[in-house]
Protein backbone atom coordinates (compact mmCIF):
# COMPACT_ATOMS: atom_id res chain seq x y z
CA MET A 1 -6.50 7.90 -4.29
CA ARG A 2 -3.54 9.69 -5.92
CA VAL A 3 -0.64 10.43 -3.56
CA ALA A 4 2.47 12.51 -4.24
CA ILE A 5 5.59 11.41 -2.33
CA PRO A 6 8.80 13.48 -2.60
CA VAL A 7 11.70 11.12 -3.33
CA GLU A 8 14.54 13.61 -3.70
CA GLN A 9 16.48 11.88 -0.91
CA CYS A 10 17.21 9.08 -3.41
CA TRP A 11 19.66 11.47 -5.11
CA HIS A 12 21.43 12.47 -1.86
CA ALA A 13 25.14 11.64 -1.57
CA VAL A 14 24.32 9.29 1.34
CA PRO A 15 20.63 8.29 0.87
CA GLY A 16 20.57 6.08 3.98
CA GLY A 17 17.54 4.70 5.77
CA THR A 18 15.33 7.68 4.93
CA ALA A 19 15.57 6.93 1.22
CA ARG A 20 15.30 3.17 1.75
CA THR A 21 12.04 3.44 3.70
CA THR A 22 10.64 6.00 1.25
CA ILE A 23 11.30 3.62 -1.65
CA ASP A 24 9.86 0.58 0.13
CA LEU A 25 6.73 2.36 1.37
CA ALA A 26 6.07 4.00 -2.00
CA GLN A 27 6.26 0.61 -3.73
CA ALA A 28 4.05 -1.07 -1.11
CA LEU A 29 1.44 1.66 -1.49
CA ASP A 30 1.59 1.59 -5.29
CA ALA A 31 1.07 -2.19 -5.26
CA ARG A 32 -2.40 -1.65 -3.78
CA ASP A 33 -5.47 -1.31 -5.98
CA ASP A 34 -6.71 1.80 -4.15
CA ILE A 35 -3.54 3.95 -4.28
CA GLU A 36 -1.60 5.54 -7.14
CA VAL A 37 1.78 6.93 -6.11
CA ILE A 38 3.62 9.61 -8.04
CA GLY A 39 7.13 10.49 -6.87
CA VAL A 40 8.35 14.09 -6.88
CA ALA A 41 11.96 15.23 -7.24
CA ALA A 42 14.10 18.19 -8.22
CA ARG A 43 15.61 18.71 -11.66
CA HIS A 44 18.12 15.99 -12.57
CA SER A 45 19.89 14.95 -15.73
CA SER A 46 19.99 11.27 -14.75
CA PRO A 47 18.27 8.84 -12.38
CA PRO A 48 19.77 8.00 -8.98
CA ASP A 49 22.16 5.06 -8.64
CA GLU A 50 20.50 1.68 -9.15
CA PRO A 51 20.02 0.74 -5.46
CA TRP A 52 18.17 4.01 -4.86
CA ARG A 53 15.77 4.14 -7.81
CA PRO A 54 12.25 4.74 -6.46
CA GLY A 55 10.34 2.04 -8.37
CA VAL A 56 7.37 4.39 -8.97
CA PRO A 57 6.91 7.07 -11.65
CA VAL A 58 8.74 10.29 -10.75
CA ALA A 59 7.76 13.81 -11.86
CA HIS A 60 10.43 16.52 -11.74
CA LEU A 61 10.10 20.14 -10.71
CA PRO A 62 12.26 22.70 -12.59
CA LEU A 63 14.52 23.70 -9.68
CA PRO A 64 17.74 21.93 -8.63
CA ARG A 65 17.73 20.38 -5.16
CA LEU A 66 19.19 23.15 -3.00
CA ALA A 67 17.02 25.82 -4.62
CA LEU A 68 13.95 23.58 -4.35
CA TYR A 69 14.51 22.84 -0.67
CA GLU A 70 15.07 26.50 0.17
CA SER A 71 12.05 27.56 -1.86
CA TRP A 72 9.80 24.97 -0.23
CA HIS A 73 10.89 26.02 3.24
CA ALA A 74 10.99 29.79 2.72
CA LEU A 75 8.28 30.46 0.13
CA ARG A 76 6.11 27.29 0.20
CA ARG A 77 6.51 27.14 -3.57
CA PRO A 78 6.53 25.47 -6.05
CA ARG A 79 3.68 23.14 -5.25
CA VAL A 80 4.18 19.49 -6.18
CA GLU A 81 1.14 19.70 -8.44
CA ARG A 82 3.21 21.75 -10.90
CA ALA A 83 4.95 18.47 -11.78
CA THR A 84 2.40 15.82 -10.80
CA GLY A 85 -0.92 17.34 -11.72
CA PRO A 86 -3.80 17.04 -9.21
CA VAL A 87 -3.23 14.79 -6.19
CA ASP A 88 -5.41 13.90 -3.22
CA LEU A 89 -2.55 13.97 -0.68
CA CYS A 90 1.13 14.82 -0.39
CA HIS A 91 3.10 12.52 1.92
CA VAL A 92 6.41 14.04 3.04
CA MET A 93 8.79 11.24 4.02
CA GLY A 94 11.65 13.17 5.61
CA SER A 95 13.98 15.81 4.18
CA ALA A 96 12.37 19.07 3.02
CA VAL A 97 8.66 19.63 3.64
CA ALA A 98 7.13 19.94 0.18
CA ALA A 99 4.44 22.45 -0.70
CA SER A 100 1.08 21.24 -2.00
CA ALA A 101 -2.48 22.43 -2.54
CA ALA A 102 -3.61 19.02 -1.23
CA PRO A 103 -3.54 18.03 2.44
CA ILE A 104 -0.07 17.18 3.70
CA VAL A 105 0.81 14.21 5.89
CA ALA A 106 4.35 13.71 7.13
CA THR A 107 6.65 11.01 8.40
CA VAL A 108 9.11 12.01 11.12
CA HIS A 109 11.90 9.45 11.32
CA ASP A 110 13.60 11.00 14.35
CA ILE A 111 14.42 14.32 16.02
CA ALA A 112 18.13 13.60 16.39
CA PHE A 113 19.06 17.22 15.77
CA ARG A 114 17.36 18.24 19.02
CA ARG A 115 18.92 15.41 21.04
CA HIS A 116 22.45 15.67 19.64
CA PRO A 117 22.88 19.14 18.07
CA SER A 118 26.67 18.87 18.20
CA MET A 119 26.48 16.15 15.54
CA PHE A 120 24.98 18.59 12.98
CA THR A 121 26.30 21.60 11.09
CA ARG A 122 24.83 25.04 11.64
CA HIS A 123 23.10 24.82 8.26
CA GLY A 124 21.76 21.36 9.13
CA LEU A 125 20.30 22.58 12.41
CA ARG A 126 18.62 25.51 10.68
CA PHE A 127 17.17 23.20 8.00
CA PHE A 128 15.83 20.63 10.47
CA GLU A 129 14.35 23.26 12.77
CA ARG A 130 12.42 24.67 9.81
CA GLN A 131 11.39 21.15 8.79
CA LEU A 132 9.97 20.49 12.26
CA ARG A 133 8.18 23.85 12.35
CA LEU A 134 6.52 23.23 8.98
CA THR A 135 5.56 19.71 10.03
CA ILE A 136 3.86 21.11 13.13
CA ASP A 137 2.13 23.84 11.14
CA ASP A 138 1.13 22.01 7.95
CA ALA A 139 0.83 18.24 8.51
CA ALA A 140 -2.65 16.92 9.19
CA ILE A 141 -1.21 13.63 10.48
CA VAL A 142 2.35 12.72 11.45
CA PHE A 143 3.49 9.10 11.11
CA VAL A 144 6.36 7.88 13.30
CA PRO A 145 8.08 4.47 13.13
CA SER A 146 8.67 3.92 16.86
CA GLN A 147 7.35 4.79 20.30
CA ALA A 148 10.67 6.49 21.02
CA THR A 149 10.17 8.89 18.10
CA LEU A 150 6.55 9.46 19.08
CA ASP A 151 7.62 10.46 22.58
CA ASP A 152 10.28 12.77 21.15
CA CYS A 153 7.72 14.41 18.87
CA VAL A 154 5.38 15.11 21.76
CA ALA A 155 8.26 16.52 23.80
CA ASN A 156 9.16 18.81 20.89
CA GLY A 157 5.77 20.33 20.22
CA VAL A 158 3.87 17.92 17.96
CA ASP A 159 0.28 17.50 19.11
CA ALA A 160 -0.13 13.91 20.32
CA SER A 161 -3.59 13.69 18.70
CA ARG A 162 -1.98 14.00 15.25
CA LEU A 163 0.65 11.31 15.78
CA ARG A 164 0.25 7.77 14.41
CA LEU A 165 2.70 4.98 15.31
CA VAL A 166 3.36 2.92 12.17
CA PRO A 167 6.51 0.74 12.30
CA TRP A 168 8.42 0.02 9.11
CA GLY A 169 8.39 -3.29 7.33
CA VAL A 170 11.42 -5.34 6.41
CA SER A 171 12.65 -6.05 2.88
CA VAL A 172 15.47 -8.58 2.55
CA THR A 173 16.63 -11.09 -0.03
CA ASP A 174 17.02 -14.85 0.60
CA PRO A 175 20.74 -15.60 0.24
CA SER A 176 21.73 -19.13 -0.74
CA PRO A 177 24.77 -20.93 0.71
CA GLU A 178 26.55 -20.07 -2.55
CA ASP A 179 25.73 -16.37 -2.06
CA VAL A 180 27.17 -16.50 1.44
CA ALA A 181 30.31 -18.26 0.22
CA ARG A 182 30.75 -15.65 -2.51
CA ALA A 183 30.42 -12.78 -0.04
CA ARG A 184 32.91 -14.42 2.31
CA ALA A 185 35.39 -14.90 -0.51
CA THR A 186 34.99 -11.32 -1.71
CA PHE A 187 36.11 -9.94 1.64
CA GLY A 188 38.47 -12.73 2.68
CA LEU A 189 36.35 -13.95 5.58
CA GLU A 190 37.67 -17.36 6.53
CA ARG A 191 36.75 -17.27 10.23
CA ASP A 192 33.51 -16.69 12.12
CA TYR A 193 32.56 -13.02 12.07
CA VAL A 194 30.34 -10.37 13.62
CA VAL A 195 28.80 -7.82 11.24
CA MET A 196 27.94 -4.16 11.81
CA VAL A 197 25.87 -2.50 9.06
CA GLY A 198 25.16 1.21 8.66
CA THR A 199 26.42 4.55 7.40
CA ILE A 200 29.50 5.60 9.35
CA GLU A 201 28.50 8.59 11.45
CA PRO A 202 28.93 9.46 15.15
CA ARG A 203 25.60 8.21 16.46
CA LYS A 204 26.16 4.72 15.02
CA ASN A 205 28.80 4.27 17.73
CA LEU A 206 31.53 2.60 15.71
CA ARG A 207 34.07 3.86 18.25
CA GLY A 208 32.26 1.99 21.01
CA VAL A 209 32.09 -1.17 18.91
CA LEU A 210 35.82 -1.02 18.13
CA GLU A 211 36.65 -0.56 21.81
CA ALA A 212 34.42 -3.53 22.69
CA TRP A 213 36.05 -5.65 19.99
CA ARG A 214 39.53 -4.71 21.18
CA SER A 215 38.63 -5.74 24.72
CA LEU A 216 37.43 -9.16 23.53
CA GLY A 217 40.78 -9.90 21.92
CA ARG A 218 39.32 -12.56 19.65
CA SER A 219 41.74 -14.49 17.48
CA ASP A 220 38.99 -16.80 16.18
CA ALA A 221 36.64 -14.22 14.66
CA ASP A 222 36.51 -11.01 12.60
CA LEU A 223 34.46 -7.84 12.92
CA VAL A 224 33.04 -6.81 9.53
CA VAL A 225 31.97 -3.15 9.23
CA VAL A 226 29.58 -2.66 6.29
CA GLY A 227 28.40 0.70 5.00
CA PRO A 228 29.38 3.91 3.27
CA GLU A 229 31.44 6.67 4.79
CA GLY A 230 29.07 9.27 6.20
CA TRP A 231 30.35 12.19 8.20
CA GLY A 232 32.05 13.21 11.40
CA ASP A 233 33.38 9.86 12.61
CA GLU A 234 36.79 9.35 11.08
CA ILE A 235 38.60 6.48 12.74
CA ASP A 236 42.39 6.54 12.98
CA PRO A 237 43.54 3.35 11.17
CA ALA A 238 46.27 2.97 13.80
CA ARG A 239 43.57 2.55 16.45
CA VAL A 240 41.58 -0.11 14.62
CA PRO A 241 42.13 -3.48 16.35
CA ASP A 242 43.19 -6.61 14.51
CA GLY A 243 40.48 -8.63 12.83
CA VAL A 244 38.41 -5.65 11.59
CA VAL A 245 37.33 -5.70 7.94
CA ARG A 246 35.86 -2.58 6.29
CA THR A 247 33.77 -3.30 3.17
CA GLY A 248 32.38 0.13 2.34
CA PHE A 249 28.96 0.28 0.68
CA VAL A 250 27.61 -3.03 -0.63
CA ASP A 251 24.39 -3.82 -2.49
CA ALA A 252 21.42 -5.36 -0.69
CA ALA A 253 22.14 -8.90 -1.89
CA THR A 254 25.72 -8.79 -0.58
CA ARG A 255 24.61 -7.16 2.67
CA ASP A 256 22.04 -9.89 3.24
CA ALA A 257 24.55 -12.63 2.44
CA LEU A 258 26.92 -11.12 5.02
CA TYR A 259 24.12 -11.11 7.61
CA ARG A 260 23.24 -14.74 6.90
CA GLY A 261 26.83 -15.87 7.14
CA ALA A 262 27.55 -14.00 10.36
CA THR A 263 27.58 -15.50 13.83
CA ALA A 264 26.05 -12.29 15.19
CA SER A 265 25.51 -8.64 14.37
CA VAL A 266 26.09 -5.55 16.48
CA TYR A 267 24.20 -2.25 16.27
CA PRO A 268 24.59 -0.28 19.51
CA SER A 269 23.54 3.05 17.99
CA LEU A 270 23.34 5.97 20.41
CA PHE A 271 20.12 7.18 18.84
CA GLU A 272 17.75 5.93 16.13
CA GLY A 273 14.29 6.73 14.88
CA PHE A 274 13.72 3.05 14.14
CA GLY A 275 16.79 0.96 13.30
CA LEU A 276 16.32 -0.98 10.06
CA PRO A 277 19.63 -2.87 10.36
CA VAL A 278 18.39 -4.52 13.56
CA LEU A 279 15.22 -5.70 11.85
CA GLU A 280 17.08 -6.84 8.73
CA SER A 281 19.53 -8.78 10.88
CA ILE A 282 16.98 -10.80 12.82
CA ALA A 283 14.90 -11.35 9.65
CA LEU A 284 17.93 -13.14 8.18
CA GLY A 285 18.54 -15.31 11.23
CA CYS A 286 21.46 -13.26 12.55
CA PRO A 287 21.13 -12.61 16.30
CA VAL A 288 21.85 -9.01 17.29
CA VAL A 289 23.34 -6.98 20.11
CA THR A 290 21.72 -3.54 20.11
CA SER A 291 20.95 -0.57 22.35
CA SER A 292 18.75 -0.52 25.41
CA GLY A 293 16.62 2.55 26.01
CA THR A 294 16.26 3.35 22.30
CA SER A 295 13.91 2.57 19.41
CA THR A 296 16.00 -0.47 18.47
CA GLU A 297 15.13 -2.12 21.78
CA GLU A 298 11.48 -1.94 20.68
CA ILE A 299 12.33 -4.13 17.67
CA VAL A 300 13.80 -6.91 19.83
CA THR A 301 10.92 -6.92 22.31
CA GLY A 302 10.26 -10.43 23.63
CA ASP A 303 13.93 -11.34 24.03
CA ALA A 304 14.41 -11.34 20.24
CA GLY A 305 17.86 -9.78 20.66
CA ILE A 306 20.31 -8.62 23.32
CA ALA A 307 19.89 -4.98 24.40
CA VAL A 308 22.80 -3.35 26.25
CA ASP A 309 23.89 0.11 27.33
CA PRO A 310 25.41 1.54 24.13
CA SER A 311 27.65 3.91 26.06
CA ASP A 312 29.39 0.99 27.82
CA PRO A 313 31.84 -0.92 25.56
CA SER A 314 32.16 -3.66 28.17
CA ALA A 315 28.39 -4.27 27.95
CA ILE A 316 28.62 -4.47 24.15
CA ALA A 317 31.51 -6.92 24.49
CA GLY A 318 29.55 -9.01 26.98
CA GLY A 319 26.57 -9.29 24.66
CA LEU A 320 28.76 -10.38 21.75
CA GLU A 321 30.60 -12.91 23.92
CA ARG A 322 27.30 -14.61 24.80
CA LEU A 323 26.46 -15.06 21.12
CA LEU A 324 29.96 -16.07 20.03
CA ASP A 325 30.58 -18.61 22.78
CA ASP A 326 27.21 -20.26 23.46
CA PRO A 327 25.54 -21.99 20.45
CA ASP A 328 22.37 -22.78 22.40
CA THR A 329 21.94 -19.16 23.47
CA ARG A 330 22.58 -18.04 19.91
CA LEU A 331 20.00 -20.48 18.49
CA GLY A 332 17.36 -19.22 20.92
CA TYR A 333 17.90 -15.65 19.74
CA VAL A 334 17.79 -16.76 16.10
CA GLU A 335 14.40 -18.44 16.58
CA ARG A 336 12.86 -15.59 18.57
CA GLY A 337 14.31 -13.04 16.17
CA LEU A 338 12.80 -14.73 13.12
CA ALA A 339 9.39 -14.85 14.82
CA ARG A 340 9.64 -11.18 15.78
CA ALA A 341 10.72 -10.05 12.29
CA ALA A 342 7.75 -11.86 10.72
CA GLN A 343 5.48 -9.27 12.37
CA TYR A 344 7.02 -6.46 10.29
CA THR A 345 5.77 -6.39 6.70
CA TRP A 346 5.53 -3.51 4.23
CA GLU A 347 1.99 -4.62 3.34
CA ARG A 348 0.97 -4.09 6.96
CA THR A 349 2.76 -0.75 7.08
CA ALA A 350 1.05 0.38 3.87
CA ALA A 351 -2.37 -0.62 5.22
CA GLN A 352 -1.84 1.45 8.37
CA VAL A 353 -0.64 4.42 6.33
CA VAL A 354 -3.68 4.23 4.04
CA SER A 355 -5.89 4.20 7.12
CA GLY A 356 -4.26 7.51 8.06
CA TYR A 357 -4.83 8.88 4.55
CA GLU A 358 -8.51 7.98 4.72
CA GLU A 359 -8.79 9.62 8.13
CA VAL A 360 -7.42 12.89 6.70
CA LEU A 361 -9.64 12.85 3.61
CA SER A 362 -12.76 12.03 5.58
């Protein structure tokens, strides 16, 4: 089976989780004997930065990104086959809905633009509304990574009979003690620390985390904020409490070393389609405080992490205090988290996706 997967998000200024899951799923599918994956992208003069290279062959259409996205959404042209040749399926993994002569399946990561429209520009809202409309009209099957996203899709007009719940896998490195020591030295981390990983944007709730950290008043630990600047959540440096370290973007190996060396992680996002940082954290033995009532709570089912009200900084602080001050409690979450993370593999995800492909082609 030959499958085209648009990978243009790998060239975005902030590729984020959408690009990461596209890369990992494409590679897991391509590793199978029954699937050949061909990536599709706009016209580019160079490949994306190293961390975001797709790992599968990529065919390029002649239009630059903005023109390609607008043409796909307005004209349903050009078809991916112009670059790839014949394919059996086109799997749209977020971003613009590509045009194809083959059946289209889609992945919807989240419908954040409907829940929190104030966090998006006017152009962004118009783009995502068109994306949702085309998904409803053109996709034979719609994959979603969480029950929360599935429920949102149903509430926003996607026929429940076309939805398939397929959680993501987890892809992490195995940092050595030397790797952890190197990461600590790089960022001057001499004390215990809590790590928060993710692109800085309003829904990640950095403001709530900083308020929680300020209320704890810890002199024996640091808060390490890892991730690129995103949009719309500038933090006044004068309001950042003591003991906060900003690293900016780091590569996967450094990120994983920071997780492994941390006492705990915190990810009380206001809204997620899945929440890869939560899964990555527990897979590396780093117990997590995350958000109740969201998709990330699904990941820590079975008491594999602490879920709190993300809108309440005192609840975030309370969760962190339990992990920082009670080694036995922390060890219990480490053990349950590792067992929970072992259930999430990209091989399993790929198998479930292929089952969906076969359903469409049958």
